[in-house]
Amino acid sequence: MVDPDLPPAKDAPAPAAEPAPAEAVAAVPVVAERGAPPPPTGVLGFLVRHQAIVVPLVAVLLAFAIGAILIRAQGFNPTYAYQVLFKHSFLTEGGLLATLQKTTPLILVGLAVAIPLKVGLFNIGGQGQLMAGGIGAAWVGYALRDLPPALLVIVAVIVAVLFGAMWASIAALLKTTRGVHEVISTIMLNSIAVGIIDWFINGGPLADKGQPFPTSPALPEGARLLPFGVIPWGLPVALILAAVVAWMLNRTTLGFELQTVGRNKFAATYAGIGTTKATLFAMGMSGGLAGLAGALELLQIEPYRYQNGIAGSLGFDGITIALLARGNPLGTIPAAILVGAMRAGAPTLQFQLGIRPEVVDVLLAITLLMVSLPVVAKWIFRRHAAKQTQLAGSWGA
């Protein structure tokens, strides 16, 4: 028996503490990192938590507000102008077909920019990669024109993907072997592609001498991908590829490795993940997708020839789409639909209302500026902290 009035022995175990009430536990604020302030609450907290959606929406709304001012300056009602733009793009058969035809390559070039972003690369060479794929498909269509149409289409698509991947891999090799920044190399490769292809179709081996303008020979009729009503052939392909890329990035070991390299290449190297391999794969895959977009522009859009201007601004619009989607592969779909609708409806503004179609370029440029500001700021701060990150080698950078 132990006398309850006696003090406990020095080496006796201390009595177990009673569990704290649930109310007390819930009342303790949770701080994610040591020394960090508590996360914001209320409206500000909601905006921070959902910034992946809020930032693109705000960017688009600001762009349309500034566009409204420009349209009003031309003496037109901006509300009516936007109604005409989107009514033609979505509610008329020809306009909807044009919108979806433009949406198809825009999804692919958006993915071509979004994938390298996951690895910390900025691929702005989608224009040249698309052109490389298009000229590859045109070459196959001319050289192998005697093949059965179905086989000719398959071979043309494969060659276009390989041409686009090859063109993007040049920038990847310069990056991994010589340290050349991918922005510089892809800009230069865009210009090189323009010059080489211009020679091919303007007196070169792919020139159609019977035409008054520089162009390649037309594809055989059986190899032309005519739409199903208002649905172009390439649209289901682009949608499936967006889903596959999203699954690959979020559900596979390869996707984990790519995103790890993008978050912290030093930690990735320490963990045994090859940054060179990730760079080559990401750029090669993005170039292949852009090359596929070039093939679809040739195979499913009249006049079924490669000619100057076939790429338009598709490659550069892919940058806007990828940033609007915040690098999310599935987010490229609604972003591409929006940009495709604006591109398809731009001529209507001029023909029906007399508004300069360049207002659409201004809208897209402002949208790109608004959505790129957070990306630029993040890139600047990451470069500022690069030396500390290298020394720390932590996974959270």
Protein backbone atom coordinates (compact mmCIF):
# COMPACT_ATOMS: atom_id res chain seq x y z
CA MET A 1 0.00 0.00 0.00
CA VAL A 2 1.25 3.50 -0.87
CA ASP A 3 0.19 6.33 1.30
CA PRO A 4 -1.58 8.88 -0.89
CA ASP A 5 -0.38 11.67 1.37
CA LEU A 6 3.31 10.89 0.74
CA PRO A 7 5.06 12.64 -2.18
CA PRO A 8 5.92 10.43 -5.16
CA ALA A 9 9.39 8.92 -5.37
CA LYS A 10 11.97 10.70 -7.53
CA ASP A 11 12.34 7.84 -9.95
CA ALA A 12 8.66 7.00 -10.15
CA PRO A 13 7.07 7.49 -13.59
CA ALA A 14 5.04 10.65 -13.96
CA PRO A 15 1.30 10.16 -14.29
CA ALA A 16 0.06 10.10 -17.90
CA ALA A 17 -1.33 13.40 -19.05
CA GLU A 18 -4.98 13.44 -19.84
CA PRO A 19 -5.80 13.97 -23.52
CA ALA A 20 -6.68 17.53 -24.40
CA PRO A 21 -10.27 18.21 -25.31
CA ALA A 22 -11.07 18.22 -29.01
CA GLU A 23 -12.08 21.87 -28.74
CA ALA A 24 -8.63 22.81 -27.48
CA VAL A 25 -6.88 20.88 -30.24
CA ALA A 26 -9.04 22.47 -32.90
CA ALA A 27 -8.35 25.90 -31.47
CA VAL A 28 -4.59 25.60 -32.01
CA PRO A 29 -3.66 27.28 -35.34
CA VAL A 30 -1.90 25.00 -37.82
CA VAL A 31 1.21 26.49 -39.40
CA ALA A 32 2.56 24.72 -42.47
CA GLU A 33 6.22 25.72 -41.97
CA ARG A 34 8.22 26.76 -38.95
CA GLY A 35 8.17 30.52 -38.62
CA ALA A 36 5.70 30.98 -41.47
CA PRO A 37 2.63 33.17 -40.97
CA PRO A 38 -0.77 31.48 -40.86
CA PRO A 39 -2.46 31.09 -44.25
CA PRO A 40 -4.89 33.85 -45.22
CA THR A 41 -8.58 33.35 -44.64
CA GLY A 42 -11.78 34.78 -46.03
CA VAL A 43 -11.95 36.09 -49.58
CA LEU A 44 -8.17 36.48 -49.83
CA GLY A 45 -7.67 32.91 -48.72
CA PHE A 46 -10.18 31.67 -51.29
CA LEU A 47 -8.41 33.57 -54.06
CA VAL A 48 -5.01 32.20 -53.01
CA ARG A 49 -6.27 28.62 -52.80
CA HIS A 50 -7.94 28.83 -56.23
CA GLN A 51 -5.39 31.01 -58.01
CA ALA A 52 -4.99 28.41 -60.79
CA ILE A 53 -8.51 29.36 -61.89
CA VAL A 54 -8.71 32.95 -60.63
CA VAL A 55 -5.59 34.25 -62.40
CA PRO A 56 -6.63 33.13 -65.91
CA LEU A 57 -10.18 34.40 -65.42
CA VAL A 58 -8.97 37.79 -64.24
CA ALA A 59 -6.52 37.96 -67.14
CA VAL A 60 -9.24 37.22 -69.70
CA LEU A 61 -11.68 39.69 -68.12
CA LEU A 62 -9.06 42.46 -68.08
CA ALA A 63 -8.16 41.71 -71.69
CA PHE A 64 -11.79 41.94 -72.78
CA ALA A 65 -12.27 45.15 -70.78
CA ILE A 66 -9.31 46.78 -72.53
CA GLY A 67 -10.54 45.39 -75.84
CA ALA A 68 -13.93 46.97 -75.19
CA ILE A 69 -12.23 50.34 -74.83
CA LEU A 70 -10.44 49.85 -78.16
CA ILE A 71 -13.65 48.80 -79.90
CA ARG A 72 -15.48 51.81 -78.46
CA ALA A 73 -12.66 54.03 -79.74
CA GLN A 74 -13.47 52.78 -83.25
CA GLY A 75 -17.07 53.90 -82.79
CA PHE A 76 -18.71 50.52 -82.15
CA ASN A 77 -20.66 48.97 -79.29
CA PRO A 78 -18.26 46.48 -77.64
CA THR A 79 -21.06 44.35 -76.20
CA TYR A 80 -22.61 43.89 -79.64
CA ALA A 81 -19.19 43.24 -81.17
CA TYR A 82 -18.48 40.44 -78.69
CA GLN A 83 -21.93 38.98 -79.33
CA VAL A 84 -21.23 38.90 -83.08
CA LEU A 85 -17.80 37.38 -82.49
CA PHE A 86 -18.94 34.46 -80.35
CA LYS A 87 -22.29 33.96 -82.06
CA HIS A 88 -20.51 33.36 -85.34
CA SER A 89 -17.87 31.14 -83.70
CA PHE A 90 -20.29 28.83 -81.86
CA LEU A 91 -23.82 29.22 -83.26
CA THR A 92 -23.24 28.97 -87.01
CA GLU A 93 -22.24 25.75 -88.74
CA GLY A 94 -19.36 27.25 -90.68
CA GLY A 95 -18.17 29.23 -87.68
CA LEU A 96 -18.29 26.24 -85.34
CA LEU A 97 -16.34 24.11 -87.83
CA ALA A 98 -13.71 26.84 -88.14
CA THR A 99 -13.51 27.14 -84.34
CA LEU A 100 -12.97 23.42 -83.86
CA GLN A 101 -10.51 23.26 -86.74
CA LYS A 102 -8.44 25.94 -85.04
CA THR A 103 -8.94 24.39 -81.59
CA THR A 104 -7.39 21.08 -82.68
CA PRO A 105 -3.83 22.32 -83.39
CA LEU A 106 -4.08 24.85 -80.56
CA ILE A 107 -4.55 22.05 -78.01
CA LEU A 108 -1.48 20.30 -79.39
CA VAL A 109 0.77 23.37 -79.44
CA GLY A 110 -0.53 24.28 -75.98
CA LEU A 111 0.63 20.86 -74.78
CA ALA A 112 3.93 21.45 -76.59
CA VAL A 113 4.52 24.44 -74.30
CA ALA A 114 2.94 22.99 -71.14
CA ILE A 115 5.06 19.82 -71.00
CA PRO A 116 8.45 21.60 -70.97
CA LEU A 117 7.11 24.01 -68.35
CA LYS A 118 6.83 21.03 -66.00
CA VAL A 119 10.58 20.47 -66.45
CA GLY A 120 11.44 24.14 -65.98
CA LEU A 121 11.86 24.82 -69.71
CA PHE A 122 10.15 27.48 -71.83
CA ASN A 123 9.60 26.12 -75.32
CA ILE A 124 8.62 28.98 -77.58
CA GLY A 125 9.62 27.07 -80.69
CA GLY A 126 6.22 25.51 -81.31
CA GLN A 127 5.91 27.56 -84.50
CA GLY A 128 9.04 26.07 -86.06
CA GLN A 129 8.21 22.57 -84.81
CA LEU A 130 4.72 22.81 -86.29
CA MET A 131 6.18 23.95 -89.61
CA ALA A 132 8.71 21.10 -89.58
CA GLY A 133 5.90 18.59 -89.06
CA GLY A 134 3.80 20.16 -91.79
CA ILE A 135 6.58 20.09 -94.39
CA GLY A 136 7.39 16.50 -93.41
CA ALA A 137 3.79 15.47 -94.04
CA ALA A 138 3.77 17.39 -97.35
CA TRP A 139 6.94 15.63 -98.46
CA VAL A 140 5.46 12.19 -97.68
CA GLY A 141 2.21 13.13 -99.42
CA TYR A 142 4.14 13.95 -102.57
CA ALA A 143 6.86 11.27 -102.52
CA LEU A 144 4.55 8.38 -101.55
CA ARG A 145 1.39 9.54 -103.32
CA ASP A 146 0.88 6.10 -104.87
CA LEU A 147 0.37 4.44 -101.47
CA PRO A 148 -3.16 3.49 -100.37
CA PRO A 149 -4.77 6.63 -98.86
CA ALA A 150 -5.15 5.24 -95.33
CA LEU A 151 -1.52 4.10 -95.23
CA LEU A 152 -0.38 7.41 -96.70
CA VAL A 153 -2.13 9.33 -93.90
CA ILE A 154 -0.55 7.11 -91.22
CA VAL A 155 2.94 7.45 -92.67
CA ALA A 156 2.52 11.22 -93.09
CA VAL A 157 1.46 11.63 -89.45
CA ILE A 158 4.38 9.51 -88.18
CA VAL A 159 6.90 11.46 -90.25
CA ALA A 160 5.40 14.78 -89.08
CA VAL A 161 5.73 13.73 -85.44
CA LEU A 162 9.35 12.67 -86.01
CA PHE A 163 10.20 15.90 -87.85
CA GLY A 164 8.72 18.02 -85.06
CA ALA A 165 10.49 15.99 -82.37
CA MET A 166 13.77 16.24 -84.26
CA TRP A 167 13.47 20.02 -84.59
CA ALA A 168 12.76 20.42 -80.87
CA SER A 169 15.57 18.02 -79.95
CA ILE A 170 18.10 20.39 -81.49
CA ALA A 171 17.28 22.94 -78.81
CA ALA A 172 17.34 20.21 -76.14
CA LEU A 173 20.80 19.05 -77.21
CA LEU A 174 22.11 22.62 -77.23
CA LYS A 175 20.69 23.03 -73.73
CA THR A 176 22.15 19.83 -72.29
CA THR A 177 25.55 19.87 -74.00
CA ARG A 178 26.41 23.56 -74.37
CA GLY A 179 24.12 25.26 -71.88
CA VAL A 180 22.33 27.33 -74.55
CA HIS A 181 19.10 28.72 -73.16
CA GLU A 182 16.08 27.13 -74.82
CA VAL A 183 14.37 30.49 -75.38
CA ILE A 184 17.25 31.71 -77.54
CA SER A 185 17.68 28.46 -79.46
CA THR A 186 13.97 27.95 -80.16
CA ILE A 187 13.58 31.52 -81.42
CA MET A 188 16.49 30.97 -83.80
CA LEU A 189 15.12 27.59 -84.90
CA ASN A 190 11.78 29.23 -85.75
CA SER A 191 13.54 31.58 -88.16
CA ILE A 192 15.68 28.78 -89.59
CA ALA A 193 12.58 26.67 -90.24
CA VAL A 194 10.96 29.56 -92.11
CA GLY A 195 13.99 29.98 -94.36
CA ILE A 196 14.48 26.28 -95.14
CA ILE A 197 10.80 25.62 -95.84
CA ASP A 198 10.53 28.73 -97.99
CA TRP A 199 13.30 27.30 -100.18
CA PHE A 200 11.55 23.91 -100.36
CA ILE A 201 8.29 25.33 -101.72
CA ASN A 202 9.71 28.28 -103.67
CA GLY A 203 11.68 26.65 -106.45
CA GLY A 204 12.96 23.77 -104.31
CA PRO A 205 12.18 20.05 -104.46
CA LEU A 206 8.64 20.48 -103.11
CA ALA A 207 7.61 23.44 -105.29
CA ASP A 208 4.49 23.04 -107.41
CA LYS A 209 5.59 24.79 -110.58
CA GLY A 210 2.03 24.95 -111.87
CA GLN A 211 0.88 27.35 -109.15
CA PRO A 212 1.38 31.13 -109.23
CA PHE A 213 2.42 31.23 -105.56
CA PRO A 214 4.92 29.19 -103.50
CA THR A 215 3.26 25.95 -102.47
CA SER A 216 3.73 22.20 -102.33
CA PRO A 217 1.71 19.80 -104.50
CA ALA A 218 -1.80 19.05 -103.23
CA LEU A 219 -2.41 15.83 -101.34
CA PRO A 220 -4.23 13.01 -103.14
CA GLU A 221 -7.97 13.28 -102.61
CA GLY A 222 -8.15 10.01 -100.68
CA ALA A 223 -5.63 11.26 -98.11
CA ARG A 224 -7.64 14.36 -97.21
CA LEU A 225 -9.30 14.17 -93.81
CA LEU A 226 -12.75 15.65 -94.41
CA PRO A 227 -14.68 16.59 -91.24
CA PHE A 228 -17.62 14.68 -89.78
CA GLY A 229 -20.15 17.50 -89.96
CA VAL A 230 -18.56 20.15 -87.75
CA ILE A 231 -16.10 17.76 -86.05
CA PRO A 232 -12.63 17.65 -87.62
CA TRP A 233 -10.72 14.38 -87.57
CA GLY A 234 -7.97 15.67 -85.35
CA LEU A 235 -10.16 16.98 -82.52
CA PRO A 236 -10.76 13.59 -80.80
CA VAL A 237 -7.06 12.84 -81.21
CA ALA A 238 -6.08 16.12 -79.54
CA LEU A 239 -8.53 15.58 -76.66
CA ILE A 240 -7.25 12.04 -76.05
CA LEU A 241 -3.65 13.21 -76.12
CA ALA A 242 -4.39 15.95 -73.57
CA ALA A 243 -5.88 13.33 -71.24
CA VAL A 244 -2.95 10.97 -71.81
CA VAL A 245 -0.39 13.70 -71.07
CA ALA A 246 -2.28 14.65 -67.88
CA TRP A 247 -2.31 11.00 -66.78
CA MET A 248 1.38 10.59 -67.60
CA LEU A 249 2.41 13.65 -65.61
CA ASN A 250 0.27 12.93 -62.56
CA ARG A 251 0.06 9.13 -62.36
CA THR A 252 3.34 7.68 -63.62
CA THR A 253 6.92 7.47 -62.42
CA LEU A 254 8.08 9.28 -65.53
CA GLY A 255 5.73 12.18 -64.83
CA PHE A 256 6.98 12.35 -61.23
CA GLU A 257 10.57 12.51 -62.45
CA LEU A 258 9.78 15.26 -64.97
CA GLN A 259 8.02 17.39 -62.38
CA THR A 260 10.77 16.79 -59.82
CA VAL A 261 13.34 18.09 -62.27
CA GLY A 262 11.16 21.14 -62.84
CA ARG A 263 10.76 21.86 -59.13
CA ASN A 264 14.39 21.35 -58.14
CA LYS A 265 16.90 19.93 -60.57
CA PHE A 266 19.61 19.72 -57.90
CA ALA A 267 17.45 17.60 -55.63
CA ALA A 268 16.44 15.53 -58.66
CA THR A 269 20.09 14.89 -59.51
CA TYR A 270 20.79 13.93 -55.88
CA ALA A 271 17.90 11.46 -56.06
CA GLY A 272 19.34 9.85 -59.18
CA ILE A 273 16.93 11.40 -61.70
CA GLY A 274 18.66 12.28 -64.96
CA THR A 275 18.03 15.93 -65.82
CA THR A 276 19.49 15.48 -69.30
CA LYS A 277 17.14 12.61 -70.02
CA ALA A 278 14.17 14.62 -68.71
CA THR A 279 15.09 17.62 -70.88
CA LEU A 280 15.48 15.54 -74.03
CA PHE A 281 12.25 13.64 -73.42
CA ALA A 282 10.17 16.72 -72.62
CA MET A 283 11.40 18.69 -75.62
CA GLY A 284 11.16 15.72 -77.96
CA MET A 285 7.61 14.97 -76.86
CA SER A 286 6.55 18.59 -77.16
CA GLY A 287 8.08 18.85 -80.63
CA GLY A 288 6.27 15.69 -81.70
CA LEU A 289 2.93 17.14 -80.59
CA ALA A 290 3.60 20.38 -82.46
CA GLY A 291 4.62 18.37 -85.53
CA LEU A 292 1.35 16.47 -85.32
CA ALA A 293 -0.46 19.81 -85.31
CA GLY A 294 1.36 20.71 -88.53
CA ALA A 295 0.31 17.44 -90.14
CA LEU A 296 -3.33 18.01 -89.22
CA GLU A 297 -3.24 21.52 -90.66
CA LEU A 298 -2.11 19.99 -93.94
CA LEU A 299 -4.38 16.92 -93.95
CA GLN A 300 -7.68 18.47 -92.86
CA ILE A 301 -7.62 22.11 -93.98
CA GLU A 302 -8.12 23.33 -97.54
CA PRO A 303 -6.28 23.63 -99.92
CA TYR A 304 -4.46 20.52 -98.54
CA ARG A 305 -1.08 21.99 -99.52
CA TYR A 306 1.87 23.38 -97.61
CA GLN A 307 2.07 27.07 -98.38
CA ASN A 308 3.32 30.21 -96.70
CA GLY A 309 1.17 31.12 -93.73
CA ILE A 310 -0.11 27.61 -93.05
CA ALA A 311 1.10 27.88 -89.47
CA GLY A 312 -0.31 31.37 -88.99
CA SER A 313 0.22 32.29 -85.36
CA LEU A 314 -0.64 28.82 -84.01
CA GLY A 315 2.77 28.20 -82.48
CA PHE A 316 2.80 31.50 -80.63
CA ASP A 317 -0.84 31.16 -79.56
CA GLY A 318 0.24 27.94 -77.87
CA ILE A 319 2.22 30.03 -75.37
CA THR A 320 -0.92 31.93 -74.41
CA ILE A 321 -2.87 28.69 -74.10
CA ALA A 322 -0.27 26.98 -71.91
CA LEU A 323 -0.04 29.96 -69.57
CA LEU A 324 -3.81 30.34 -69.44
CA ALA A 325 -3.99 26.66 -68.47
CA ARG A 326 -1.28 27.25 -65.83
CA GLY A 327 0.62 24.32 -67.32
CA ASN A 328 -2.30 21.93 -66.77
CA PRO A 329 -2.68 19.64 -69.83
CA LEU A 330 -6.44 19.38 -69.40
CA GLY A 331 -6.64 23.14 -68.96
CA THR A 332 -5.32 23.58 -72.50
CA ILE A 333 -8.68 22.36 -73.83
CA PRO A 334 -10.91 25.27 -72.66
CA ALA A 335 -8.08 27.73 -73.31
CA ALA A 336 -7.71 26.44 -76.89
CA ILE A 337 -11.46 26.64 -77.45
CA LEU A 338 -11.48 30.28 -76.34
CA VAL A 339 -8.51 31.25 -78.52
CA GLY A 340 -9.86 29.20 -81.44
CA ALA A 341 -13.22 30.93 -81.23
CA MET A 342 -11.59 34.35 -81.20
CA ARG A 343 -9.42 33.48 -84.20
CA ALA A 344 -12.36 32.00 -86.11
CA GLY A 345 -14.61 34.99 -85.41
CA ALA A 346 -12.06 37.74 -86.07
CA PRO A 347 -12.84 38.05 -89.81
CA THR A 348 -16.53 38.45 -88.98
CA LEU A 349 -15.77 41.59 -86.97
CA GLN A 350 -14.27 43.13 -90.08
CA PHE A 351 -16.80 41.92 -92.66
CA GLN A 352 -19.97 42.61 -90.67
CA LEU A 353 -19.00 45.54 -88.47
CA GLY A 354 -15.88 47.02 -90.01
CA ILE A 355 -13.82 46.50 -86.86
CA ARG A 356 -10.16 45.84 -87.47
CA PRO A 357 -9.51 42.09 -86.88
CA GLU A 358 -6.22 42.97 -85.19
CA VAL A 359 -8.27 43.69 -82.06
CA VAL A 360 -8.19 39.91 -81.47
CA ASP A 361 -4.38 40.01 -81.53
CA VAL A 362 -4.50 42.78 -78.95
CA LEU A 363 -6.87 40.74 -76.76
CA LEU A 364 -4.60 37.71 -76.89
CA ALA A 365 -1.49 39.81 -76.27
CA ILE A 366 -3.01 41.42 -73.19
CA THR A 367 -4.17 38.02 -71.95
CA LEU A 368 -0.66 36.64 -72.40
CA LEU A 369 0.79 39.60 -70.51
CA MET A 370 -1.61 39.21 -67.60
CA VAL A 371 -1.15 35.46 -67.16
CA SER A 372 2.63 35.60 -67.63
CA LEU A 373 3.28 38.10 -64.84
CA PRO A 374 3.05 35.49 -62.02
CA VAL A 375 5.23 33.11 -64.04
CA VAL A 376 7.87 35.78 -64.62
CA ALA A 377 7.87 36.77 -60.95
CA LYS A 378 8.25 33.14 -59.86
CA TRP A 379 11.10 32.64 -62.34
CA ILE A 380 12.93 35.76 -61.11
CA PHE A 381 12.69 34.74 -57.46
CA ARG A 382 13.72 31.18 -58.26
CA ARG A 383 16.81 32.42 -60.10
CA HIS A 384 17.56 34.72 -57.15
CA ALA A 385 17.48 31.77 -54.76
CA ALA A 386 19.22 29.28 -57.07
CA LYS A 387 22.53 29.28 -55.16
CA GLN A 388 20.83 28.68 -51.81
CA THR A 389 18.72 25.94 -53.36
CA GLN A 390 21.83 24.23 -54.71
CA LEU A 391 23.46 24.22 -51.27
CA ALA A 392 20.34 23.06 -49.47
CA GLY A 393 19.30 20.43 -52.01
CA SER A 394 15.85 20.24 -50.46
CA TRP A 395 12.76 18.74 -52.08
CA GLY A 396 10.56 21.68 -51.20
CA ALA A 397 12.26 24.23 -53.46
